[in-house]
Protein backbone atom coordinates (compact mmCIF):
# COMPACT_ATOMS: atom_id res chain seq x y z
CA UNK A 1 25.60 7.80 14.38
CA UNK A 2 26.75 6.45 11.48
CA UNK A 3 28.71 8.73 8.79
CA UNK A 4 25.80 8.74 6.06
CA UNK A 5 22.86 9.83 8.55
CA UNK A 6 21.72 13.33 7.30
CA UNK A 7 21.90 15.56 10.21
CA UNK A 8 19.14 17.95 9.94
CA UNK A 9 18.53 21.28 12.43
CA UNK A 10 15.43 20.96 14.01
CA UNK A 11 13.51 24.25 14.01
CA UNK A 12 9.83 23.80 15.83
CA UNK A 13 7.45 21.47 17.09
CA UNK A 14 3.63 22.21 17.26
CA UNK A 15 0.66 20.28 17.26
CA UNK A 16 -2.50 20.66 14.67
CA UNK A 17 -6.08 20.31 15.98
CA UNK A 18 -9.70 19.87 13.50
CA UNK A 19 -10.18 23.82 12.29
CA UNK A 20 -13.64 23.39 14.08
CA UNK A 21 -14.68 22.29 17.14
CA UNK A 22 -16.14 18.66 16.82
CA UNK A 23 -16.53 18.19 20.77
CA UNK A 24 -15.92 14.58 21.99
CA UNK A 25 -15.48 11.55 20.11
CA UNK A 26 -14.66 7.71 20.82
CA UNK A 27 -14.06 4.99 18.90
CA UNK A 28 -13.53 1.52 20.07
CA UNK A 29 -10.67 -0.66 18.84
CA UNK A 30 -12.08 -4.11 17.61
CA UNK A 31 -10.16 -7.87 16.88
CA UNK A 32 -8.64 -6.70 13.74
CA UNK A 33 -6.91 -3.47 15.26
CA UNK A 34 -5.47 -4.75 17.99
CA UNK A 35 -2.70 -7.15 16.76
CA UNK A 36 -0.79 -4.04 15.29
CA UNK A 37 -0.23 -2.30 18.68
CA UNK A 38 2.79 -4.58 19.05
CA UNK A 39 4.72 -3.39 16.50
CA UNK A 40 6.33 0.03 15.71
CA UNK A 41 4.73 3.05 14.13
CA UNK A 42 4.86 2.41 10.10
CA UNK A 43 7.25 5.14 8.81
CA UNK A 44 6.47 6.48 5.21
CA UNK A 45 8.83 9.46 3.55
CA UNK A 46 7.85 11.68 0.55
CA UNK A 47 10.10 14.07 -1.04
CA UNK A 48 9.38 16.71 -3.25
CA UNK A 49 10.51 19.54 -5.13
CA UNK A 50 9.73 22.90 -4.89
CA UNK A 51 10.83 26.60 -4.51
CA UNK A 52 8.51 28.64 -1.87
CA UNK A 53 9.47 26.19 1.19
CA UNK A 54 7.87 29.15 3.42
CA UNK A 55 4.23 28.52 1.58
CA UNK A 56 4.79 24.75 1.34
CA UNK A 57 5.12 24.65 5.08
CA UNK A 58 1.97 26.78 5.93
CA UNK A 59 -0.24 25.35 3.53
CA UNK A 60 0.31 22.08 4.92
CA UNK A 61 -0.45 23.08 8.46
CA UNK A 62 -3.66 24.82 7.00
CA UNK A 63 -4.87 21.55 4.91
CA UNK A 64 -4.41 19.63 7.54
CA UNK A 65 -6.29 21.56 10.11
CA UNK A 66 -8.94 21.02 7.78
CA UNK A 67 -8.94 17.51 6.86
CA UNK A 68 -8.92 16.52 10.56
CA UNK A 69 -12.26 17.62 10.62
CA UNK A 70 -13.01 14.14 8.88
CA UNK A 71 -9.95 12.37 10.44
CA UNK A 72 -10.08 13.36 13.99
CA UNK A 73 -9.48 10.24 14.85
CA UNK A 74 -5.56 10.86 14.37
CA UNK A 75 -5.55 13.65 16.70
CA UNK A 76 -6.79 11.54 19.56
CA UNK A 77 -4.94 9.45 21.65
CA UNK A 78 -5.51 5.43 22.84
CA UNK A 79 -7.28 5.02 26.26
CA UNK A 80 -8.78 2.28 28.00
CA UNK A 81 -12.15 1.87 29.31
CA UNK A 82 -12.89 0.32 32.73
CA UNK A 83 -12.82 -3.19 31.18
CA UNK A 84 -9.50 -2.46 29.78
CA UNK A 85 -11.08 -2.28 26.14
CA UNK A 86 -8.57 -0.11 24.39
CA UNK A 87 -10.68 3.01 22.15
CA UNK A 88 -9.61 5.92 20.59
CA UNK A 89 -10.51 9.06 22.16
CA UNK A 90 -10.66 12.56 20.83
CA UNK A 91 -11.67 15.77 22.16
CA UNK A 92 -11.22 19.32 21.77
CA UNK A 93 -8.81 19.70 24.64
CA UNK A 94 -6.04 16.62 22.99
CA UNK A 95 -2.77 17.22 22.00
CA UNK A 96 -3.51 16.72 18.06
CA UNK A 97 -0.75 15.88 15.32
CA UNK A 98 2.32 16.65 16.23
CA UNK A 99 4.33 18.35 13.93
CA UNK A 100 7.86 19.40 13.54
CA UNK A 101 9.96 21.83 11.61
CA UNK A 102 13.49 21.13 10.53
CA UNK A 103 15.74 22.47 8.11
CA UNK A 104 18.64 20.55 5.57
CA UNK A 105 18.79 23.19 3.72
CA UNK A 106 23.04 22.43 2.51
CA UNK A 107 21.30 19.47 0.73
CA UNK A 108 19.19 18.92 -2.33
CA UNK A 109 16.29 16.53 -3.24
CA UNK A 110 19.00 14.80 -5.54
CA UNK A 111 20.94 13.91 -2.40
CA UNK A 112 18.32 12.85 -0.11
CA UNK A 113 17.03 10.61 -3.19
CA UNK A 114 20.86 8.99 -3.39
CA UNK A 115 20.75 8.16 0.14
CA UNK A 116 20.95 4.02 0.15
CA UNK A 117 19.76 2.90 3.52
CA UNK A 118 16.44 4.03 5.46
CA UNK A 119 19.02 4.63 8.56
CA UNK A 120 20.56 7.49 6.50
CA UNK A 121 17.16 8.77 6.91
CA UNK A 122 16.28 8.11 10.22
CA UNK A 123 16.45 12.05 11.06
CA UNK A 124 13.80 12.86 8.67
CA UNK A 125 10.88 11.02 9.94
CA UNK A 126 9.82 11.16 13.49
CA UNK A 127 8.61 8.27 16.52
CA UNK A 128 11.44 6.05 15.50
CA UNK A 129 11.84 2.71 17.72
CA UNK A 130 8.35 4.18 19.09
CA UNK A 131 5.56 1.03 19.29
CA UNK A 132 1.68 1.78 18.55
CA UNK A 133 0.99 0.48 22.38
CA UNK A 134 2.83 3.72 23.48
CA UNK A 135 -0.03 5.75 21.66
CA UNK A 136 -1.51 6.23 25.07
CA UNK A 137 1.02 8.76 25.79
CA UNK A 138 2.55 9.59 21.75
CA UNK A 139 0.59 11.22 19.01
CA UNK A 140 -0.95 8.87 16.94
CA UNK A 141 -0.10 10.58 13.86
CA UNK A 142 3.36 12.56 13.70
CA UNK A 143 4.78 14.71 10.99
CA UNK A 144 8.06 16.49 9.89
CA UNK A 145 8.22 18.84 7.56
CA UNK A 146 12.31 18.94 6.64
CA UNK A 147 12.91 22.00 4.16
CA UNK A 148 16.12 21.07 1.62
CA UNK A 149 17.75 23.54 -0.56
CA UNK A 150 14.97 23.20 -3.51
CA UNK A 151 12.39 21.07 -1.63
CA UNK A 152 11.00 19.25 1.18
CA UNK A 153 11.07 15.92 2.92
CA UNK A 154 7.32 14.81 4.56
CA UNK A 155 8.44 12.07 7.05
CA UNK A 156 4.66 11.02 8.71
CA UNK A 157 4.73 8.12 11.36
CA UNK A 158 1.38 6.18 11.78
CA UNK A 159 -0.11 4.23 14.90
CA UNK A 160 -1.11 1.04 13.22
CA UNK A 161 -2.99 0.20 16.23
CA UNK A 162 -5.66 2.57 14.81
CA UNK A 163 -5.32 2.30 10.49
CA UNK A 164 -4.18 0.15 8.04
CA UNK A 165 -2.21 0.88 4.63
CA UNK A 166 -5.51 1.45 2.78
CA UNK A 167 -6.36 4.07 5.33
CA UNK A 168 -3.61 5.52 5.63
CA UNK A 169 -3.10 6.51 1.65
CA UNK A 170 -7.02 7.82 2.32
CA UNK A 171 -5.88 10.06 4.47
CA UNK A 172 -2.96 11.45 3.08
CA UNK A 173 -4.85 11.80 -0.76
CA UNK A 174 -7.37 13.53 1.11
CA UNK A 175 -5.25 15.70 2.67
CA UNK A 176 -3.46 16.70 -0.93
CA UNK A 177 -6.82 17.12 -1.73
CA UNK A 178 -7.68 19.36 0.95
CA UNK A 179 -4.58 21.80 0.37
CA UNK A 180 -5.42 21.20 -3.34
CA UNK A 181 -8.85 21.63 -4.16
CA UNK A 182 -11.38 21.45 -2.06
CA UNK A 183 -12.59 21.76 1.69
CA UNK A 184 -15.10 19.33 1.38
CA UNK A 185 -13.71 15.49 1.40
CA UNK A 186 -14.56 13.90 -1.94
CA UNK A 187 -14.66 10.26 0.01
CA UNK A 188 -14.94 10.76 3.84
CA UNK A 189 -13.89 7.81 6.10
CA UNK A 190 -16.09 5.59 7.49
CA UNK A 191 -15.44 5.33 11.16
CA UNK A 192 -17.96 3.09 12.54
CA UNK A 193 -15.62 -0.17 13.22
CA UNK A 194 -18.11 -1.73 15.82
CA UNK A 195 -20.40 -2.28 12.05
CA UNK A 196 -16.98 -4.95 11.13
CA UNK A 197 -17.07 -6.44 14.31
CA UNK A 198 -19.12 -6.01 17.33
CA UNK A 199 -17.09 -7.56 20.06
CA UNK A 200 -15.13 -6.67 23.01
CA UNK A 201 -11.62 -7.44 23.65
CA UNK A 202 -9.61 -6.16 26.68
CA UNK A 203 -5.79 -5.62 25.90
CA UNK A 204 -3.05 -5.13 28.05
CA UNK A 205 0.83 -5.47 27.34
CA UNK A 206 3.66 -3.26 27.86
CA UNK A 207 5.58 -2.28 24.66
CA UNK A 208 8.62 -4.58 23.66
CA UNK A 209 11.95 -2.82 24.53
CA UNK A 210 12.76 -1.01 21.00
CA UNK A 211 16.18 -1.74 19.48
CA UNK A 212 17.21 -0.52 15.79
CA UNK A 213 17.56 -3.50 13.45
CA UNK A 214 21.12 -5.10 12.53
CA UNK A 215 20.34 -5.41 8.87
CA UNK A 216 21.19 -3.83 5.45
CA UNK A 217 18.31 -2.44 3.39
CA UNK A 218 18.35 -1.65 -0.18
CA UNK A 219 15.44 -0.86 -2.79
CA UNK A 220 15.28 -2.60 -6.46
CA UNK A 221 13.34 -1.04 -9.30
CA UNK A 222 11.67 -3.37 -11.33
CA UNK A 223 10.01 -1.71 -14.50
CA UNK A 224 6.85 -2.13 -16.13
CA UNK A 225 8.57 -4.06 -18.99
CA UNK A 226 10.17 -6.31 -15.89
CA UNK A 227 7.22 -7.11 -14.11
CA UNK A 228 5.42 -7.99 -17.73
CA UNK A 229 8.02 -10.43 -18.23
CA UNK A 230 7.82 -11.67 -15.26
CA UNK A 231 4.34 -12.52 -15.09
CA UNK A 232 4.56 -13.73 -18.65
CA UNK A 233 7.37 -16.47 -17.40
CA UNK A 234 5.27 -17.90 -14.67
CA UNK A 235 1.76 -17.74 -16.73
CA UNK A 236 3.39 -19.39 -19.53
CA UNK A 237 2.26 -22.91 -19.27
CA UNK A 238 -1.02 -22.81 -16.32
CA UNK A 239 -2.93 -25.57 -15.96
CA UNK A 240 -6.64 -25.54 -18.03
CA UNK A 241 -8.54 -25.13 -14.53
CA UNK A 242 -5.67 -22.43 -13.20
CA UNK A 243 -6.46 -18.88 -13.01
CA UNK A 244 -3.93 -16.60 -14.28
CA UNK A 245 -1.81 -15.29 -11.02
CA UNK A 246 -1.59 -11.16 -10.13
CA UNK A 247 1.11 -9.50 -10.26
CA UNK A 248 1.36 -9.40 -6.64
CA UNK A 249 1.65 -13.01 -6.19
CA UNK A 250 4.16 -13.29 -9.10
CA UNK A 251 6.72 -10.82 -7.72
CA UNK A 252 5.97 -11.98 -4.13
CA UNK A 253 6.76 -15.54 -5.65
CA UNK A 254 10.06 -13.94 -7.18
CA UNK A 255 11.16 -12.43 -4.00
CA UNK A 256 10.48 -15.25 -1.89
CA UNK A 257 12.62 -17.60 -3.82
CA UNK A 258 15.77 -15.14 -4.29
CA UNK A 259 15.93 -14.42 -0.68
CA UNK A 260 15.68 -18.15 -0.14
CA UNK A 261 18.45 -18.62 -2.58
CA UNK A 262 20.50 -15.91 -0.88
CA UNK A 263 19.97 -17.19 2.41
CA UNK A 264 21.37 -20.38 1.10
CA UNK A 265 19.18 -22.75 3.16
CA UNK A 266 19.04 -27.15 3.16
CA UNK A 267 16.50 -28.08 1.18
CA UNK A 268 14.58 -29.92 3.49
CA UNK A 269 14.49 -26.19 5.92
CA UNK A 270 11.10 -24.65 5.64
CA UNK A 271 10.59 -20.91 4.59
CA UNK A 272 7.74 -19.03 5.35
CA UNK A 273 6.14 -16.37 3.57
CA UNK A 274 3.51 -13.87 4.81
CA UNK A 275 1.26 -11.81 2.73
CA UNK A 276 -1.75 -9.40 3.64
CA UNK A 277 -5.02 -9.44 2.48
CA UNK A 278 -7.32 -6.52 2.00
CA UNK A 279 -10.64 -8.10 3.54
CA UNK A 280 -12.72 -5.21 3.65
CA UNK A 281 -14.89 -6.94 0.74
CA UNK A 282 -14.16 -10.57 2.46
CA UNK A 283 -16.20 -10.19 5.60
CA UNK A 284 -20.18 -10.44 6.28
CA UNK A 285 -20.89 -7.85 6.08
CA UNK A 286 -18.47 -6.27 3.99
CA UNK A 287 -17.34 -2.89 4.29
CA UNK A 288 -16.94 0.29 2.28
CA UNK A 289 -13.33 0.72 1.24
CA UNK A 290 -13.48 4.21 2.73
CA UNK A 291 -13.92 1.94 6.25
CA UNK A 292 -11.37 3.69 8.52
CA UNK A 293 -9.26 0.84 10.55
CA UNK A 294 -7.57 -2.38 10.37
CA UNK A 295 -9.04 -4.62 7.90
CA UNK A 296 -6.36 -6.85 7.02
CA UNK A 297 -5.57 -10.46 6.99
CA UNK A 298 -2.20 -12.34 7.31
CA UNK A 299 -1.99 -15.15 5.56
CA UNK A 300 1.03 -17.77 5.86
CA UNK A 301 2.33 -19.82 2.91
CA UNK A 302 5.09 -22.43 3.61
CA UNK A 303 7.77 -24.86 1.58
CA UNK A 304 10.52 -26.81 2.16
CA UNK A 305 13.44 -24.67 0.84
CA UNK A 306 14.12 -28.12 -1.83
CA UNK A 307 10.59 -27.47 -3.43
CA UNK A 308 10.51 -24.08 -3.11
CA UNK A 309 14.22 -23.60 -5.55
CA UNK A 310 13.49 -26.51 -8.11
CA UNK A 311 10.15 -26.23 -9.09
CA UNK A 312 9.23 -23.76 -11.69
CA UNK A 313 7.70 -20.03 -9.89
CA UNK A 314 4.65 -21.29 -10.89
CA UNK A 315 4.72 -23.41 -8.15
CA UNK A 316 5.15 -20.74 -5.68
CA UNK A 317 2.93 -18.43 -6.73
CA UNK A 318 -0.18 -20.83 -6.67
CA UNK A 319 0.56 -21.26 -3.34
CA UNK A 320 0.73 -17.85 -2.65
CA UNK A 321 -2.99 -17.77 -4.96
CA UNK A 322 -4.26 -20.59 -3.01
CA UNK A 323 -3.81 -18.54 0.40
CA UNK A 324 -5.04 -15.46 -0.53
CA UNK A 325 -8.40 -17.31 -2.20
CA UNK A 326 -8.83 -19.27 1.37
CA UNK A 327 -8.87 -15.75 3.40
CA UNK A 328 -12.89 -15.67 3.01
CA UNK A 329 -15.16 -14.78 5.35
CA UNK A 330 -15.09 -17.80 7.50
CA UNK A 331 -11.45 -18.41 7.75
CA UNK A 332 -11.37 -14.52 9.06
CA UNK A 333 -14.23 -15.17 11.75
CA UNK A 334 -12.26 -18.07 12.66
CA UNK A 335 -8.79 -16.41 13.07
CA UNK A 336 -10.62 -13.36 14.86
CA UNK A 337 -12.10 -15.90 17.14
CA UNK A 338 -8.93 -17.53 18.35
CA UNK A 339 -7.44 -14.32 18.82
CA UNK A 340 -10.44 -12.96 21.12
CA UNK A 341 -10.41 -16.34 23.50
CA UNK A 342 -6.68 -15.37 24.15
CA UNK A 343 -5.03 -12.43 22.59
CA UNK A 344 -1.56 -12.34 22.89
CA UNK A 345 1.57 -9.89 21.82
CA UNK A 346 3.25 -10.75 18.81
CA UNK A 347 6.15 -9.46 16.74
CA UNK A 348 6.31 -9.41 13.01
CA UNK A 349 9.82 -11.50 13.02
CA UNK A 350 8.02 -13.95 14.46
CA UNK A 351 6.12 -15.00 11.42
CA UNK A 352 8.07 -18.37 11.40
CA UNK A 353 11.75 -19.76 10.38
CA UNK A 354 13.22 -18.28 7.93
CA UNK A 355 10.68 -16.39 7.00
CA UNK A 356 9.67 -13.50 4.35
CA UNK A 357 7.10 -11.14 5.02
CA UNK A 358 5.07 -8.44 2.40
CA UNK A 359 4.45 -5.52 3.71
CA UNK A 360 2.33 -2.41 1.83
CA UNK A 361 1.35 -2.36 -1.80
CA UNK A 362 2.14 -1.59 -5.00
CA UNK A 363 -1.90 -0.74 -5.08
CA UNK A 364 -1.49 2.42 -3.19
CA UNK A 365 -1.38 5.69 -5.67
CA UNK A 366 1.81 7.02 -3.50
CA UNK A 367 2.74 9.13 -6.10
CA UNK A 368 -0.48 10.51 -6.55
CA UNK A 369 0.10 12.68 -3.08
CA UNK A 370 0.34 16.13 -5.27
CA UNK A 371 -0.61 19.28 -2.82
CA UNK A 372 -0.07 21.68 -5.46
CA UNK A 373 3.48 21.53 -6.09
CA UNK A 374 3.68 18.22 -8.21
CA UNK A 375 4.33 14.32 -7.43
CA UNK A 376 6.68 13.20 -5.10
CA UNK A 377 10.46 12.82 -6.29
CA UNK A 378 10.71 9.98 -4.15
CA UNK A 379 8.37 7.34 -1.60
CA UNK A 380 10.22 5.43 1.04
CA UNK A 381 9.62 3.57 4.23
CA UNK A 382 11.94 4.59 7.25
CA UNK A 383 13.58 2.73 9.53
CA UNK A 384 10.89 0.80 11.65
CA UNK A 385 9.50 -2.90 11.58
CA UNK A 386 12.38 -3.71 9.85
CA UNK A 387 14.17 -7.29 10.14
CA UNK A 388 15.66 -9.92 8.47
CA UNK A 389 13.38 -10.88 5.55
CA UNK A 390 11.11 -7.70 5.81
CA UNK A 391 9.70 -6.24 2.03
CA UNK A 392 7.80 -3.23 1.64
CA UNK A 393 6.06 -2.68 -1.91
CA UNK A 394 5.23 0.80 -3.40
CA UNK A 395 4.33 1.55 -6.72
CA UNK A 396 7.22 2.58 -9.06
CA UNK A 397 7.41 6.41 -9.70
CA UNK A 398 7.55 5.86 -13.40
CA UNK A 399 3.88 4.07 -13.09
CA UNK A 400 2.26 1.24 -15.09
CA UNK A 401 3.07 -2.02 -13.36
CA UNK A 402 6.56 -0.95 -12.26
CA UNK A 403 7.10 -1.53 -8.55
CA UNK A 404 9.97 -0.81 -6.08
CA UNK A 405 10.84 -4.01 -4.01
CA UNK A 406 12.28 -2.42 -0.19
CA UNK A 407 14.36 -5.21 0.76
CA UNK A 408 15.77 -5.94 4.70
CA UNK A 409 18.34 -8.50 5.12
CA UNK A 410 21.35 -9.46 7.08
CA UNK A 411 24.38 -7.72 5.40
CA UNK A 412 25.86 -11.19 3.95
CA UNK A 413 22.59 -12.43 2.07
CA UNK A 414 21.76 -9.02 0.82
CA UNK A 415 25.32 -9.33 -0.69
CA UNK A 416 24.22 -12.28 -2.21
CA UNK A 417 20.91 -11.15 -3.68
CA UNK A 418 22.75 -7.71 -5.09
CA UNK A 419 24.71 -10.32 -7.12
CA UNK A 420 22.07 -12.51 -8.11
CA UNK A 421 20.84 -12.02 -12.02
CA UNK A 422 17.73 -14.27 -12.00
CA UNK A 423 16.49 -11.71 -9.46
CA UNK A 424 17.73 -9.19 -11.10
CA UNK A 425 16.16 -10.26 -14.37
CA UNK A 426 19.39 -9.40 -15.99
CA UNK A 427 20.85 -11.48 -18.65
C-alpha cells in the first residue's frame, strides 16, 4: 500500500433496511440500464465538518431507514428471472444497504481534503474494484461513515446498473432532507422503468477482472470567472445562425483539446470524446426528472488531432453541441434496438482511440447535500472506473458556474497537462 494512503480503523458493519415493512418489490432492468452493469460501482466521497460525531452517525442511519421506504430498490439485490432478464428484487428479508463505520480520528478534515489522489482515499469508500454485475451477491448501495478528529467522511458506492447520476443525487438530497426536515419526500422517485421502454432483454455476462488503474489523477478547479472567460472566448464570433454553446460544451471542448495536446499525438491521429446526455425529456414518451434508473445516452465525437488543435475552440465545442442535439428520440430508439438485438459487454476505456470520457455533471447540486450540520467541505469521486482519459465533473463549492474537473491520465501526460498554461487559463 502506498505511503500516502490513509489508513482507517474499521469499527462495525451493519445493514439498513426500510423502517417499515413494504413487502416484496420487483423491478425489471431495461435496455437503458444494462450497459452499465459491466463497469465498476461509481464511488462518491463527501467530507463534512462537525463535532458531535456519534450523533452524526446515528442521525444518518435513522434517516437512511426512512428514505429507503421510497428508495427501496437500493436495499435489494439483482436477480434473474427464468428467461435471464435482470431485475431488482427487494423483500423484507433482503439484507438492505451495507453500512460500515470506521475511524480516522487522528486526522482532520483539512488533512483529508489535502489528499492529492483518489488512491489516497481508497480506504474511505466501499466496494473498490467491484463491478456492477456483482450486484447479485453484493449490496446495491454501500456506505462508509469514517469519523475524523473534527468531522466525518461519507463514502458511497452505487450500483450503476440500477441508477444514473440524476437518480444518485435525487436519493442523496432526499436522504439529507429526511434527516433534516421531513419524514415525507418532497419528490418521490418514479419507479416504473418499463414506462420508458418495455422490452425484455436477457443479459448474462461474467464480471471482468478488477484491476486498479495505472494512472495519475488530479482535480483542476475552474472558478466562475475562468468559466465565464472560457465561454466568452468560444462564443466571441459564432456564425449568425448558430446557437451559443453551453458551459458544459465549452468545458468539454477545453478539456478535450488540452488532454490531446498533452498526449503529443500526430496530426492525422484520431481522438474520441464521449459525453452523456440525460434523455428523460428526449425519449418518447418523456419521463419525469424523478425517474429512478438509467436514462442517459452516450454521444461520441471524433476529430483528427490536427483539426482539433489548429482550429479555434469553437470548432470542437460545435462538434459536441451537434452530437448532443442529434441524440433525439429516433436516434436513442435506434441505439436501443441495436443493443437489444445483440447485447454485449463493454468497458469505459473501449470508447475509442486516444479517448476522453466526460462523466458526472456540474449540474448535480452535490453541495446541497446538507444533513443538518452544513454543506460538504469537499465532494470527490473514488478510485473506481478511472482509466487514461477519464474525467469527472463536479460543481465547484464556491457556486455559480465554478466547476471541479477531476482528470485521470498516464503520469507523463498529466505532467504536461499540469504545465499547460492555456488549459489552466493562466497568463
